[in-house]
Amino acid sequence: MLGTVDEIVFDCADPVALSTFWHAVLGGSEPTHRRAGWSYFDTPAGLRVAFQGVPEPKRAKNRVHLDVAVDDVPAAADAAVLLGATRQGALHADAVGTFQVLLDPEGNEWCVVKAAAASK
C-alpha cells in the first residue's frame, strides 16, 4: 500500500458555493472557508471533501465521480435538484440496482444510487 485517501478535492470556480451544495448533499461538519479559493468539510463518515478555486471552467466529462448511496433514488434526485443539481438523462434500473446521473451546480457528474436487494 502506498497510502490512504486524505481528501477528495474538486477544482471549481466558486469553492464557497460548491462546498455549501455538497455539504447539503452529504452532511457533516459545517464548511470551512480556509482562505480565498479553498473550502472543505468532513462527511459523517470522516472523509474530507475539499473545493479548490481554479480559473479555467470544466470542459469535459469527469474521469472520476461520486456515487451517493440513498434509500430512494427518485426522491433523492428530486431533493438534489432543489439544492441546485440537474438531472442528466433518465433514471436507470436493472438487476444490479437503480441510479440517476446528476450534475452539481458547476457541471460535475455524480450519481445517487441504490443497490438491488440481494436475492436469497
PDB file of N, CA and C in Angstrom:
ATOM      1  N   MET A   1       0.847  -1.181   0.000  1.00  0.00           N
ATOM      2  CA  MET A   1       0.000   0.000   0.000  1.00  0.00           C
ATOM      3  C   MET A   1       0.887   1.237   0.000  1.00  0.00           C
ATOM      4  N   LEU A   2       0.535   2.165  -0.857  1.00  0.00           N
ATOM      5  CA  LEU A   2       1.291   3.416  -0.943  1.00  0.00           C
ATOM      6  C   LEU A   2       0.806   4.434   0.077  1.00  0.00           C
ATOM      7  N   GLY A   3      -0.507   4.504   0.319  1.00  0.00           N
ATOM      8  CA  GLY A   3      -1.050   5.490   1.253  1.00  0.00           C
ATOM      9  C   GLY A   3      -2.552   5.356   1.366  1.00  0.00           C
ATOM     10  N   THR A   4      -3.186   6.331   1.996  1.00  0.00           N
ATOM     11  CA  THR A   4      -4.634   6.339   2.177  1.00  0.00           C
ATOM     12  C   THR A   4      -5.205   7.649   1.628  1.00  0.00           C
ATOM     13  N   VAL A   5      -6.486   7.644   1.324  1.00  0.00           N
ATOM     14  CA  VAL A   5      -7.133   8.846   0.809  1.00  0.00           C
ATOM     15  C   VAL A   5      -7.207   9.877   1.931  1.00  0.00           C
ATOM     16  N   ASP A   6      -6.616  11.039   1.701  1.00  0.00           N
ATOM     17  CA  ASP A   6      -6.640  12.125   2.667  1.00  0.00           C
ATOM     18  C   ASP A   6      -7.885  12.971   2.482  1.00  0.00           C
ATOM     19  N   GLU A   7      -8.231  13.275   1.231  1.00  0.00           N
ATOM     20  CA  GLU A   7      -9.422  14.047   0.925  1.00  0.00           C
ATOM     21  C   GLU A   7      -9.720  13.921  -0.558  1.00  0.00           C
ATOM     22  N   ILE A   8     -10.949  14.207  -0.920  1.00  0.00           N
ATOM     23  CA  ILE A   8     -11.365  14.316  -2.313  1.00  0.00           C
ATOM     24  C   ILE A   8     -11.415  15.814  -2.603  1.00  0.00           C
ATOM     25  N   VAL A   9     -10.770  16.267  -3.684  1.00  0.00           N
ATOM     26  CA  VAL A   9     -10.704  17.692  -3.992  1.00  0.00           C
ATOM     27  C   VAL A   9     -11.365  17.954  -5.353  1.00  0.00           C
ATOM     28  N   PHE A  10     -12.309  18.889  -5.356  1.00  0.00           N
ATOM     29  CA  PHE A  10     -12.937  19.351  -6.589  1.00  0.00           C
ATOM     30  C   PHE A  10     -12.265  20.653  -7.016  1.00  0.00           C
ATOM     31  N   ASP A  11     -11.809  20.746  -8.256  1.00  0.00           N
ATOM     32  CA  ASP A  11     -11.454  22.035  -8.831  1.00  0.00           C
ATOM     33  C   ASP A  11     -12.767  22.710  -9.209  1.00  0.00           C
ATOM     34  N   CYS A  12     -12.878  24.003  -8.944  1.00  0.00           N
ATOM     35  CA  CYS A  12     -14.150  24.683  -9.204  1.00  0.00           C
ATOM     36  C   CYS A  12     -13.951  26.190  -9.310  1.00  0.00           C
ATOM     37  N   ALA A  13     -14.993  26.858  -9.785  1.00  0.00           N
ATOM     38  CA  ALA A  13     -14.953  28.315  -9.899  1.00  0.00           C
ATOM     39  C   ALA A  13     -15.279  29.002  -8.576  1.00  0.00           C
ATOM     40  N   ASP A  14     -16.189  28.403  -7.790  1.00  0.00           N
ATOM     41  CA  ASP A  14     -16.670  29.039  -6.566  1.00  0.00           C
ATOM     42  C   ASP A  14     -16.651  28.039  -5.406  1.00  0.00           C
ATOM     43  N   PRO A  15     -15.519  27.924  -4.700  1.00  0.00           N
ATOM     44  CA  PRO A  15     -15.398  26.953  -3.621  1.00  0.00           C
ATOM     45  C   PRO A  15     -16.449  27.112  -2.513  1.00  0.00           C
ATOM     46  N   VAL A  16     -16.813  28.327  -2.174  1.00  0.00           N
ATOM     47  CA  VAL A  16     -17.809  28.538  -1.113  1.00  0.00           C
ATOM     48  C   VAL A  16     -19.162  27.969  -1.546  1.00  0.00           C
ATOM     49  N   ALA A  17     -19.601  28.328  -2.739  1.00  0.00           N
ATOM     50  CA  ALA A  17     -20.905  27.847  -3.219  1.00  0.00           C
ATOM     51  C   ALA A  17     -20.917  26.335  -3.399  1.00  0.00           C
ATOM     52  N   LEU A  18     -19.844  25.776  -3.966  1.00  0.00           N
ATOM     53  CA  LEU A  18     -19.843  24.335  -4.211  1.00  0.00           C
ATOM     54  C   LEU A  18     -19.719  23.551  -2.916  1.00  0.00           C
ATOM     55  N   SER A  19     -18.953  24.042  -1.940  1.00  0.00           N
ATOM     56  CA  SER A  19     -18.883  23.346  -0.652  1.00  0.00           C
ATOM     57  C   SER A  19     -20.231  23.405   0.057  1.00  0.00           C
ATOM     58  N   THR A  20     -20.952  24.492  -0.085  1.00  0.00           N
ATOM     59  CA  THR A  20     -22.289  24.612   0.508  1.00  0.00           C
ATOM     60  C   THR A  20     -23.242  23.614  -0.132  1.00  0.00           C
ATOM     61  N   PHE A  21     -23.201  23.479  -1.468  1.00  0.00           N
ATOM     62  CA  PHE A  21     -24.035  22.497  -2.164  1.00  0.00           C
ATOM     63  C   PHE A  21     -23.722  21.081  -1.682  1.00  0.00           C
ATOM     64  N   TRP A  22     -22.451  20.691  -1.755  1.00  0.00           N
ATOM     65  CA  TRP A  22     -22.089  19.321  -1.398  1.00  0.00           C
ATOM     66  C   TRP A  22     -22.321  19.035   0.088  1.00  0.00           C
ATOM     67  N   HIS A  23     -22.165  20.023   0.941  1.00  0.00           N
ATOM     68  CA  HIS A  23     -22.479  19.829   2.360  1.00  0.00           C
ATOM     69  C   HIS A  23     -23.963  19.510   2.522  1.00  0.00           C
ATOM     70  N   ALA A  24     -24.831  20.178   1.758  1.00  0.00           N
ATOM     71  CA  ALA A  24     -26.266  19.892   1.812  1.00  0.00           C
ATOM     72  C   ALA A  24     -26.563  18.479   1.313  1.00  0.00           C
ATOM     73  N   VAL A  25     -25.773  17.978   0.375  1.00  0.00           N
ATOM     74  CA  VAL A  25     -25.960  16.619  -0.139  1.00  0.00           C
ATOM     75  C   VAL A  25     -25.445  15.576   0.854  1.00  0.00           C
ATOM     76  N   LEU A  26     -24.241  15.779   1.391  1.00  0.00           N
ATOM     77  CA  LEU A  26     -23.566  14.740   2.173  1.00  0.00           C
ATOM     78  C   LEU A  26     -23.626  14.924   3.684  1.00  0.00           C
ATOM     79  N   GLY A  27     -23.917  16.140   4.161  1.00  0.00           N
ATOM     80  CA  GLY A  27     -23.927  16.389   5.603  1.00  0.00           C
ATOM     81  C   GLY A  27     -22.517  16.458   6.157  1.00  0.00           C
ATOM     82  N   GLY A  28     -22.425  16.506   7.483  1.00  0.00           N
ATOM     83  CA  GLY A  28     -21.122  16.539   8.140  1.00  0.00           C
ATOM     84  C   GLY A  28     -20.849  17.878   8.791  1.00  0.00           C
ATOM     85  N   SER A  29     -19.568  18.143   9.006  1.00  0.00           N
ATOM     86  CA  SER A  29     -19.169  19.386   9.663  1.00  0.00           C
ATOM     87  C   SER A  29     -19.513  20.571   8.763  1.00  0.00           C
ATOM     88  N   GLU A  30     -19.736  21.716   9.391  1.00  0.00           N
ATOM     89  CA  GLU A  30     -20.015  22.921   8.615  1.00  0.00           C
ATOM     90  C   GLU A  30     -18.817  23.230   7.715  1.00  0.00           C
ATOM     91  N   PRO A  31     -19.047  23.689   6.502  1.00  0.00           N
ATOM     92  CA  PRO A  31     -17.922  24.030   5.627  1.00  0.00           C
ATOM     93  C   PRO A  31     -17.008  25.078   6.258  1.00  0.00           C
ATOM     94  N   THR A  32     -15.715  24.876   6.064  1.00  0.00           N
ATOM     95  CA  THR A  32     -14.689  25.820   6.487  1.00  0.00           C
ATOM     96  C   THR A  32     -14.130  26.475   5.244  1.00  0.00           C
ATOM     97  N   HIS A  33     -14.053  27.784   5.257  1.00  0.00           N
ATOM     98  CA  HIS A  33     -13.504  28.535   4.140  1.00  0.00           C
ATOM     99  C   HIS A  33     -12.138  29.030   4.600  1.00  0.00           C
ATOM    100  N   ARG A  34     -11.148  28.165   4.410  1.00  0.00           N
ATOM    101  CA  ARG A  34      -9.819  28.356   4.991  1.00  0.00           C
ATOM    102  C   ARG A  34      -9.107  29.590   4.464  1.00  0.00           C
ATOM    103  N   ARG A  35      -9.232  29.843   3.219  1.00  0.00           N
ATOM    104  CA  ARG A  35      -8.640  31.031   2.596  1.00  0.00           C
ATOM    105  C   ARG A  35      -9.352  31.232   1.277  1.00  0.00           C
ATOM    106  N   ALA A  36      -9.112  32.346   0.646  1.00  0.00           N
ATOM    107  CA  ALA A  36      -9.743  32.593  -0.658  1.00  0.00           C
ATOM    108  C   ALA A  36      -9.403  31.442  -1.593  1.00  0.00           C
ATOM    109  N   GLY A  37     -10.423  30.849  -2.171  1.00  0.00           N
ATOM    110  CA  GLY A  37     -10.187  29.780  -3.123  1.00  0.00           C
ATOM    111  C   GLY A  37     -10.036  28.395  -2.536  1.00  0.00           C
ATOM    112  N   TRP A  38     -10.370  28.204  -1.261  1.00  0.00           N
ATOM    113  CA  TRP A  38     -10.221  26.869  -0.669  1.00  0.00           C
ATOM    114  C   TRP A  38     -11.249  26.686   0.445  1.00  0.00           C
ATOM    115  N   SER A  39     -12.153  25.730   0.261  1.00  0.00           N
ATOM    116  CA  SER A  39     -13.159  25.394   1.282  1.00  0.00           C
ATOM    117  C   SER A  39     -13.194  23.887   1.452  1.00  0.00           C
ATOM    118  N   TYR A  40     -13.661  23.431   2.614  1.00  0.00           N
ATOM    119  CA  TYR A  40     -13.778  21.987   2.831  1.00  0.00           C
ATOM    120  C   TYR A  40     -14.772  21.705   3.948  1.00  0.00           C
ATOM    121  N   PHE A  41     -15.197  20.450   4.025  1.00  0.00           N
ATOM    122  CA  PHE A  41     -15.965  19.938   5.163  1.00  0.00           C
ATOM    123  C   PHE A  41     -15.651  18.457   5.293  1.00  0.00           C
ATOM    124  N   ASP A  42     -15.955  17.898   6.459  1.00  0.00           N
ATOM    125  CA  ASP A  42     -15.770  16.474   6.709  1.00  0.00           C
ATOM    126  C   ASP A  42     -17.133  15.803   6.734  1.00  0.00           C
ATOM    127  N   THR A  43     -17.284  14.711   5.968  1.00  0.00           N
ATOM    128  CA  THR A  43     -18.549  13.986   5.934  1.00  0.00           C
ATOM    129  C   THR A  43     -18.749  13.215   7.240  1.00  0.00           C
ATOM    130  N   PRO A  44     -19.977  12.751   7.514  1.00  0.00           N
ATOM    131  CA  PRO A  44     -20.204  11.940   8.701  1.00  0.00           C
ATOM    132  C   PRO A  44     -19.323  10.681   8.739  1.00  0.00           C
ATOM    133  N   ALA A  45     -18.927  10.186   7.565  1.00  0.00           N
ATOM    134  CA  ALA A  45     -18.062   9.003   7.501  1.00  0.00           C
ATOM    135  C   ALA A  45     -16.588   9.354   7.726  1.00  0.00           C
ATOM    136  N   GLY A  46     -16.283  10.653   7.867  1.00  0.00           N
ATOM    137  CA  GLY A  46     -14.911  11.068   8.142  1.00  0.00           C
ATOM    138  C   GLY A  46     -14.085  11.414   6.919  1.00  0.00           C
ATOM    139  N   LEU A  47     -14.674  11.406   5.732  1.00  0.00           N
ATOM    140  CA  LEU A  47     -13.944  11.778   4.528  1.00  0.00           C
ATOM    141  C   LEU A  47     -13.983  13.289   4.360  1.00  0.00           C
ATOM    142  N   ARG A  48     -12.853  13.895   4.137  1.00  0.00           N
ATOM    143  CA  ARG A  48     -12.802  15.336   3.879  1.00  0.00           C
ATOM    144  C   ARG A  48     -13.052  15.567   2.383  1.00  0.00           C
ATOM    145  N   VAL A  49     -13.965  16.489   2.097  1.00  0.00           N
ATOM    146  CA  VAL A  49     -14.272  16.890   0.726  1.00  0.00           C
ATOM    147  C   VAL A  49     -13.876  18.361   0.622  1.00  0.00           C
ATOM    148  N   ALA A  50     -12.973  18.654  -0.314  1.00  0.00           N
ATOM    149  CA  ALA A  50     -12.414  19.999  -0.432  1.00  0.00           C
ATOM    150  C   ALA A  50     -12.708  20.583  -1.815  1.00  0.00           C
ATOM    151  N   PHE A  51     -12.663  21.902  -1.889  1.00  0.00           N
ATOM    152  CA  PHE A  51     -13.013  22.639  -3.099  1.00  0.00           C
ATOM    153  C   PHE A  51     -11.960  23.712  -3.315  1.00  0.00           C
ATOM    154  N   GLN A  52     -11.265  23.602  -4.449  1.00  0.00           N
ATOM    155  CA  GLN A  52     -10.141  24.476  -4.773  1.00  0.00           C
ATOM    156  C   GLN A  52     -10.509  25.341  -5.968  1.00  0.00           C
ATOM    157  N   GLY A  53     -10.437  26.637  -5.789  1.00  0.00           N
ATOM    158  CA  GLY A  53     -10.743  27.542  -6.891  1.00  0.00           C
ATOM    159  C   GLY A  53      -9.696  27.479  -7.983  1.00  0.00           C
ATOM    160  N   VAL A  54     -10.172  27.369  -9.220  1.00  0.00           N
ATOM    161  CA  VAL A  54      -9.282  27.389 -10.382  1.00  0.00           C
ATOM    162  C   VAL A  54      -9.886  28.339 -11.415  1.00  0.00           C
ATOM    163  N   PRO A  55      -9.065  28.944 -12.247  1.00  0.00           N
ATOM    164  CA  PRO A  55      -9.595  29.930 -13.193  1.00  0.00           C
ATOM    165  C   PRO A  55     -10.298  29.328 -14.408  1.00  0.00           C
ATOM    166  N   GLU A  56      -9.917  28.125 -14.807  1.00  0.00           N
ATOM    167  CA  GLU A  56     -10.485  27.564 -16.029  1.00  0.00           C
ATOM    168  C   GLU A  56     -11.791  26.804 -15.723  1.00  0.00           C
ATOM    169  N   PRO A  57     -12.763  26.833 -16.660  1.00  0.00           N
ATOM    170  CA  PRO A  57     -14.021  26.119 -16.455  1.00  0.00           C
ATOM    171  C   PRO A  57     -13.873  24.630 -16.752  1.00  0.00           C
ATOM    172  N   LYS A  58     -14.817  23.846 -16.270  1.00  0.00           N
ATOM    173  CA  LYS A  58     -14.879  22.430 -16.602  1.00  0.00           C
ATOM    174  C   LYS A  58     -15.141  22.323 -18.099  1.00  0.00           C
ATOM    175  N   ARG A  59     -14.421  21.421 -18.770  1.00  0.00           N
ATOM    176  CA  ARG A  59     -14.537  21.335 -20.227  1.00  0.00           C
ATOM    177  C   ARG A  59     -15.075  19.999 -20.732  1.00  0.00           C
ATOM    178  N   ALA A  60     -14.973  18.945 -19.967  1.00  0.00           N
ATOM    179  CA  ALA A  60     -15.345  17.616 -20.465  1.00  0.00           C
ATOM    180  C   ALA A  60     -15.931  16.765 -19.343  1.00  0.00           C
ATOM    181  N   LYS A  61     -16.312  15.566 -19.698  1.00  0.00           N
ATOM    182  CA  LYS A  61     -16.872  14.632 -18.721  1.00  0.00           C
ATOM    183  C   LYS A  61     -15.826  14.299 -17.659  1.00  0.00           C
ATOM    184  N   ASN A  62     -16.321  14.131 -16.421  1.00  0.00           N
ATOM    185  CA  ASN A  62     -15.434  13.721 -15.334  1.00  0.00           C
ATOM    186  C   ASN A  62     -14.804  12.368 -15.642  1.00  0.00           C
ATOM    187  N   ARG A  63     -13.597  12.161 -15.167  1.00  0.00           N
ATOM    188  CA  ARG A  63     -12.976  10.838 -15.225  1.00  0.00           C
ATOM    189  C   ARG A  63     -13.224  10.087 -13.931  1.00  0.00           C
ATOM    190  N   VAL A  64     -13.590  10.800 -12.866  1.00  0.00           N
ATOM    191  CA  VAL A  64     -13.935  10.222 -11.568  1.00  0.00           C
ATOM    192  C   VAL A  64     -15.195  10.928 -11.100  1.00  0.00           C
ATOM    193  N   HIS A  65     -16.112  10.180 -10.458  1.00  0.00           N
ATOM    194  CA  HIS A  65     -17.304  10.825  -9.906  1.00  0.00           C
ATOM    195  C   HIS A  65     -17.700  10.146  -8.611  1.00  0.00           C
ATOM    196  N   LEU A  66     -18.534  10.822  -7.830  1.00  0.00           N
ATOM    197  CA  LEU A  66     -19.036  10.264  -6.584  1.00  0.00           C
ATOM    198  C   LEU A  66     -20.351   9.544  -6.831  1.00  0.00           C
ATOM    199  N   ASP A  67     -20.534   8.379  -6.201  1.00  0.00           N
ATOM    200  CA  ASP A  67     -21.818   7.698  -6.109  1.00  0.00           C
ATOM    201  C   ASP A  67     -22.286   7.883  -4.672  1.00  0.00           C
ATOM    202  N   VAL A  68     -23.458   8.468  -4.506  1.00  0.00           N
ATOM    203  CA  VAL A  68     -24.013   8.730  -3.181  1.00  0.00           C
ATOM    204  C   VAL A  68     -25.129   7.724  -2.929  1.00  0.00           C
ATOM    205  N   ALA A  69     -24.942   6.841  -1.946  1.00  0.00           N
ATOM    206  CA  ALA A  69     -25.926   5.812  -1.622  1.00  0.00           C
ATOM    207  C   ALA A  69     -27.136   6.438  -0.944  1.00  0.00           C
ATOM    208  N   VAL A  70     -28.331   6.091  -1.426  1.00  0.00           N
ATOM    209  CA  VAL A  70     -29.588   6.619  -0.893  1.00  0.00           C
ATOM    210  C   VAL A  70     -30.600   5.479  -0.764  1.00  0.00           C
ATOM    211  N   ASP A  71     -31.665   5.724  -0.019  1.00  0.00           N
ATOM    212  CA  ASP A  71     -32.728   4.736   0.132  1.00  0.00           C
ATOM    213  C   ASP A  71     -33.736   4.804  -1.005  1.00  0.00           C
ATOM    214  N   ASP A  72     -33.934   5.984  -1.585  1.00  0.00           N
ATOM    215  CA  ASP A  72     -34.948   6.192  -2.614  1.00  0.00           C
ATOM    216  C   ASP A  72     -34.348   7.096  -3.691  1.00  0.00           C
ATOM    217  N   VAL A  73     -33.974   6.504  -4.808  1.00  0.00           N
ATOM    218  CA  VAL A  73     -33.279   7.253  -5.854  1.00  0.00           C
ATOM    219  C   VAL A  73     -34.129   8.391  -6.423  1.00  0.00           C
ATOM    220  N   PRO A  74     -35.376   8.150  -6.825  1.00  0.00           N
ATOM    221  CA  PRO A  74     -36.154   9.271  -7.364  1.00  0.00           C
ATOM    222  C   PRO A  74     -36.334  10.421  -6.365  1.00  0.00           C
ATOM    223  N   ALA A  75     -36.600  10.094  -5.100  1.00  0.00           N
ATOM    224  CA  ALA A  75     -36.771  11.143  -4.089  1.00  0.00           C
ATOM    225  C   ALA A  75     -35.464  11.891  -3.852  1.00  0.00           C
ATOM    226  N   ALA A  76     -34.345  11.171  -3.821  1.00  0.00           N
ATOM    227  CA  ALA A  76     -33.048  11.817  -3.616  1.00  0.00           C
ATOM    228  C   ALA A  76     -32.701  12.704  -4.812  1.00  0.00           C
ATOM    229  N   ALA A  77     -33.012  12.252  -6.016  1.00  0.00           N
ATOM    230  CA  ALA A  77     -32.749  13.075  -7.204  1.00  0.00           C
ATOM    231  C   ALA A  77     -33.593  14.348  -7.160  1.00  0.00           C
ATOM    232  N   ASP A  78     -34.862  14.223  -6.760  1.00  0.00           N
ATOM    233  CA  ASP A  78     -35.720  15.408  -6.627  1.00  0.00           C
ATOM    234  C   ASP A  78     -35.136  16.384  -5.609  1.00  0.00           C
ATOM    235  N   ALA A  79     -34.687  15.863  -4.465  1.00  0.00           N
ATOM    236  CA  ALA A  79     -34.106  16.723  -3.421  1.00  0.00           C
ATOM    237  C   ALA A  79     -32.833  17.390  -3.923  1.00  0.00           C
ATOM    238  N   ALA A  80     -32.013  16.650  -4.664  1.00  0.00           N
ATOM    239  CA  ALA A  80     -30.773  17.217  -5.202  1.00  0.00           C
ATOM    240  C   ALA A  80     -31.070  18.351  -6.184  1.00  0.00           C
ATOM    241  N   VAL A  81     -32.093  18.174  -6.998  1.00  0.00           N
ATOM    242  CA  VAL A  81     -32.477  19.229  -7.947  1.00  0.00           C
ATOM    243  C   VAL A  81     -32.885  20.494  -7.192  1.00  0.00           C
ATOM    244  N   LEU A  82     -33.613  20.336  -6.094  1.00  0.00           N
ATOM    245  CA  LEU A  82     -33.994  21.503  -5.286  1.00  0.00           C
ATOM    246  C   LEU A  82     -32.777  22.219  -4.707  1.00  0.00           C
ATOM    247  N   LEU A  83     -31.675  21.474  -4.497  1.00  0.00           N
ATOM    248  CA  LEU A  83     -30.441  22.066  -3.973  1.00  0.00           C
ATOM    249  C   LEU A  83     -29.608  22.737  -5.054  1.00  0.00           C
ATOM    250  N   GLY A  84     -29.941  22.470  -6.325  1.00  0.00           N
ATOM    251  CA  GLY A  84     -29.186  23.091  -7.412  1.00  0.00           C
ATOM    252  C   GLY A  84     -28.599  22.121  -8.422  1.00  0.00           C
ATOM    253  N   ALA A  85     -28.817  20.809  -8.233  1.00  0.00           N
ATOM    254  CA  ALA A  85     -28.331  19.811  -9.195  1.00  0.00           C
ATOM    255  C   ALA A  85     -29.233  19.795 -10.423  1.00  0.00           C
ATOM    256  N   THR A  86     -28.745  19.171 -11.481  1.00  0.00           N
ATOM    257  CA  THR A  86     -29.505  18.986 -12.714  1.00  0.00           C
ATOM    258  C   THR A  86     -29.464  17.509 -13.082  1.00  0.00           C
ATOM    259  N   ARG A  87     -30.629  16.943 -13.440  1.00  0.00           N
ATOM    260  CA  ARG A  87     -30.658  15.558 -13.909  1.00  0.00           C
ATOM    261  C   ARG A  87     -29.934  15.470 -15.252  1.00  0.00           C
ATOM    262  N   GLN A  88     -29.211  14.376 -15.428  1.00  0.00           N
ATOM    263  CA  GLN A  88     -28.524  14.105 -16.684  1.00  0.00           C
ATOM    264  C   GLN A  88     -29.052  12.766 -17.195  1.00  0.00           C
ATOM    265  N   GLY A  89     -29.975  12.810 -18.131  1.00  0.00           N
ATOM    266  CA  GLY A  89     -30.545  11.573 -18.653  1.00  0.00           C
ATOM    267  C   GLY A  89     -31.636  11.021 -17.756  1.00  0.00           C
ATOM    268  N   ALA A  90     -32.056   9.813 -18.098  1.00  0.00           N
ATOM    269  CA  ALA A  90     -33.162   9.147 -17.412  1.00  0.00           C
ATOM    270  C   ALA A  90     -32.675   8.334 -16.207  1.00  0.00           C
ATOM    271  N   LEU A  91     -33.620   7.967 -15.365  1.00  0.00           N
ATOM    272  CA  LEU A  91     -33.364   7.043 -14.257  1.00  0.00           C
ATOM    273  C   LEU A  91     -33.000   5.687 -14.852  1.00  0.00           C
ATOM    274  N   HIS A  92     -31.973   5.052 -14.318  1.00  0.00           N
ATOM    275  CA  HIS A  92     -31.532   3.735 -14.797  1.00  0.00           C
ATOM    276  C   HIS A  92     -31.826   2.695 -13.724  1.00  0.00           C
ATOM    277  N   ALA A  93     -32.394   1.559 -14.120  1.00  0.00           N
ATOM    278  CA  ALA A  93     -32.665   0.466 -13.185  1.00  0.00           C
ATOM    279  C   ALA A  93     -32.425  -0.849 -13.890  1.00  0.00           C
ATOM    280  N   ASP A  94     -31.744  -1.753 -13.193  1.00  0.00           N
ATOM    281  CA  ASP A  94     -31.541  -3.101 -13.710  1.00  0.00           C
ATOM    282  C   ASP A  94     -31.384  -4.053 -12.530  1.00  0.00           C
ATOM    283  N   ALA A  95     -30.930  -5.267 -12.768  1.00  0.00           N
ATOM    284  CA  ALA A  95     -30.814  -6.272 -11.712  1.00  0.00           C
ATOM    285  C   ALA A  95     -29.802  -5.879 -10.638  1.00  0.00           C
ATOM    286  N   VAL A  96     -28.866  -5.011 -10.963  1.00  0.00           N
ATOM    287  CA  VAL A  96     -27.827  -4.602 -10.011  1.00  0.00           C
ATOM    288  C   VAL A  96     -28.319  -3.499  -9.085  1.00  0.00           C
ATOM    289  N   GLY A  97     -29.194  -2.625  -9.597  1.00  0.00           N
ATOM    290  CA  GLY A  97     -29.700  -1.534  -8.774  1.00  0.00           C
ATOM    291  C   GLY A  97     -30.257  -0.408  -9.616  1.00  0.00           C
ATOM    292  N   THR A  98     -30.420   0.742  -8.962  1.00  0.00           N
ATOM    293  CA  THR A  98     -31.010   1.912  -9.588  1.00  0.00           C
ATOM    294  C   THR A  98     -30.069   3.091  -9.382  1.00  0.00           C
ATOM    295  N   PHE A  99     -29.965   3.938 -10.413  1.00  0.00           N
ATOM    296  CA  PHE A  99     -29.166   5.155 -10.247  1.00  0.00           C
ATOM    297  C   PHE A  99     -29.680   6.255 -11.150  1.00  0.00           C
ATOM    298  N   GLN A 100     -29.377   7.487 -10.739  1.00  0.00           N
ATOM    299  CA  GLN A 100     -29.673   8.676 -11.528  1.00  0.00           C
ATOM    300  C   GLN A 100     -28.402   9.497 -11.613  1.00  0.00           C
ATOM    301  N   VAL A 101     -27.979   9.817 -12.826  1.00  0.00           N
ATOM    302  CA  VAL A 101     -26.834  10.705 -13.023  1.00  0.00           C
ATOM    303  C   VAL A 101     -27.323  12.133 -12.844  1.00  0.00           C
ATOM    304  N   LEU A 102     -26.544  12.917 -12.097  1.00  0.00           N
ATOM    305  CA  LEU A 102     -26.841  14.324 -11.843  1.00  0.00           C
ATOM    306  C   LEU A 102     -25.603  15.156 -12.134  1.00  0.00           C
ATOM    307  N   LEU A 103     -25.805  16.446 -12.311  1.00  0.00           N
ATOM    308  CA  LEU A 103     -24.714  17.408 -12.406  1.00  0.00           C
ATOM    309  C   LEU A 103     -24.807  18.342 -11.215  1.00  0.00           C
ATOM    310  N   ASP A 104     -23.675  18.632 -10.565  1.00  0.00           N
ATOM    311  CA  ASP A 104     -23.696  19.616  -9.490  1.00  0.00           C
ATOM    312  C   ASP A 104     -23.778  21.008 -10.124  1.00  0.00           C
ATOM    313  N   PRO A 105     -23.846  22.080  -9.325  1.00  0.00           N
ATOM    314  CA  PRO A 105     -24.005  23.416  -9.907  1.00  0.00           C
ATOM    315  C   PRO A 105     -22.895  23.850 -10.872  1.00  0.00           C
ATOM    316  N   GLU A 106     -21.738  23.208 -10.832  1.00  0.00           N
ATOM    317  CA  GLU A 106     -20.660  23.557 -11.772  1.00  0.00           C
ATOM    318  C   GLU A 106     -20.504  22.528 -12.888  1.00  0.00           C
ATOM    319  N   GLY A 107     -21.459  21.589 -12.976  1.00  0.00           N
ATOM    320  CA  GLY A 107     -21.452  20.631 -14.080  1.00  0.00           C
ATOM    321  C   GLY A 107     -20.706  19.336 -13.835  1.00  0.00           C
ATOM    322  N   ASN A 108     -20.255  19.080 -12.598  1.00  0.00           N
ATOM    323  CA  ASN A 108     -19.580  17.825 -12.282  1.00  0.00           C
ATOM    324  C   ASN A 108     -20.598  16.696 -12.176  1.00  0.00           C
ATOM    325  N   GLU A 109     -20.359  15.591 -12.895  1.00  0.00           N
ATOM    326  CA  GLU A 109     -21.254  14.450 -12.840  1.00  0.00           C
ATOM    327  C   GLU A 109     -21.131  13.725 -11.506  1.00  0.00           C
ATOM    328  N   TRP A 110     -22.267  13.222 -11.010  1.00  0.00           N
ATOM    329  CA  TRP A 110     -22.313  12.380  -9.822  1.00  0.00           C
ATOM    330  C   TRP A 110     -23.610  11.584  -9.892  1.00  0.00           C
ATOM    331  N   CYS A 111     -23.755  10.576  -9.052  1.00  0.00           N
ATOM    332  CA  CYS A 111     -24.943   9.721  -9.098  1.00  0.00           C
ATOM    333  C   CYS A 111     -25.514   9.511  -7.709  1.00  0.00           C
ATOM    334  N   VAL A 112     -26.850   9.423  -7.641  1.00  0.00           N
ATOM    335  CA  VAL A 112     -27.497   8.864  -6.462  1.00  0.00           C
ATOM    336  C   VAL A 112     -27.803   7.425  -6.842  1.00  0.00           C
ATOM    337  N   VAL A 113     -27.494   6.495  -5.934  1.00  0.00           N
ATOM    338  CA  VAL A 113     -27.556   5.070  -6.254  1.00  0.00           C
ATOM    339  C   VAL A 113     -28.226   4.282  -5.128  1.00  0.00           C
ATOM    340  N   LYS A 114     -28.862   3.179  -5.524  1.00  0.00           N
ATOM    341  CA  LYS A 114     -29.366   2.198  -4.562  1.00  0.00           C
ATOM    342  C   LYS A 114     -29.155   0.827  -5.161  1.00  0.00           C
ATOM    343  N   ALA A 115     -28.431  -0.012  -4.436  1.00  0.00           N
ATOM    344  CA  ALA A 115     -28.180  -1.381  -4.907  1.00  0.00           C
ATOM    345  C   ALA A 115     -29.465  -2.185  -4.804  1.00  0.00           C
ATOM    346  N   ALA A 116     -29.632  -3.117  -5.725  1.00  0.00           N
ATOM    347  CA  ALA A 116     -30.777  -4.022  -5.685  1.00  0.00           C
ATOM    348  C   ALA A 116     -30.670  -4.924  -4.460  1.00  0.00           C
ATOM    349  N   ALA A 117     -31.819  -5.313  -3.921  1.00  0.00           N
ATOM    350  CA  ALA A 117     -31.834  -6.224  -2.786  1.00  0.00           C
ATOM    351  C   ALA A 117     -31.216  -7.549  -3.216  1.00  0.00           C
ATOM    352  N   ALA A 118     -30.407  -8.123  -2.339  1.00  0.00           N
ATOM    353  CA  ALA A 118     -29.779  -9.411  -2.647  1.00  0.00           C
ATOM    354  C   ALA A 118     -30.830 -10.509  -2.639  1.00  0.00           C
ATOM    355  N   SER A 119     -30.791 -11.363  -3.642  1.00  0.00           N
ATOM    356  CA  SER A 119     -31.754 -12.471  -3.692  1.00  0.00           C
ATOM    357  C   SER A 119     -31.252 -13.629  -2.859  1.00  0.00           C
ATOM    358  N   LYS A 120     -32.188 -14.354  -2.294  1.00  0.00           N
ATOM    359  CA  LYS A 120     -31.813 -15.490  -1.427  1.00  0.00           C
ATOM    360  C   LYS A 120     -32.185 -16.777  -2.058  1.00  0.00           C
TER     361      LYS A 120
END
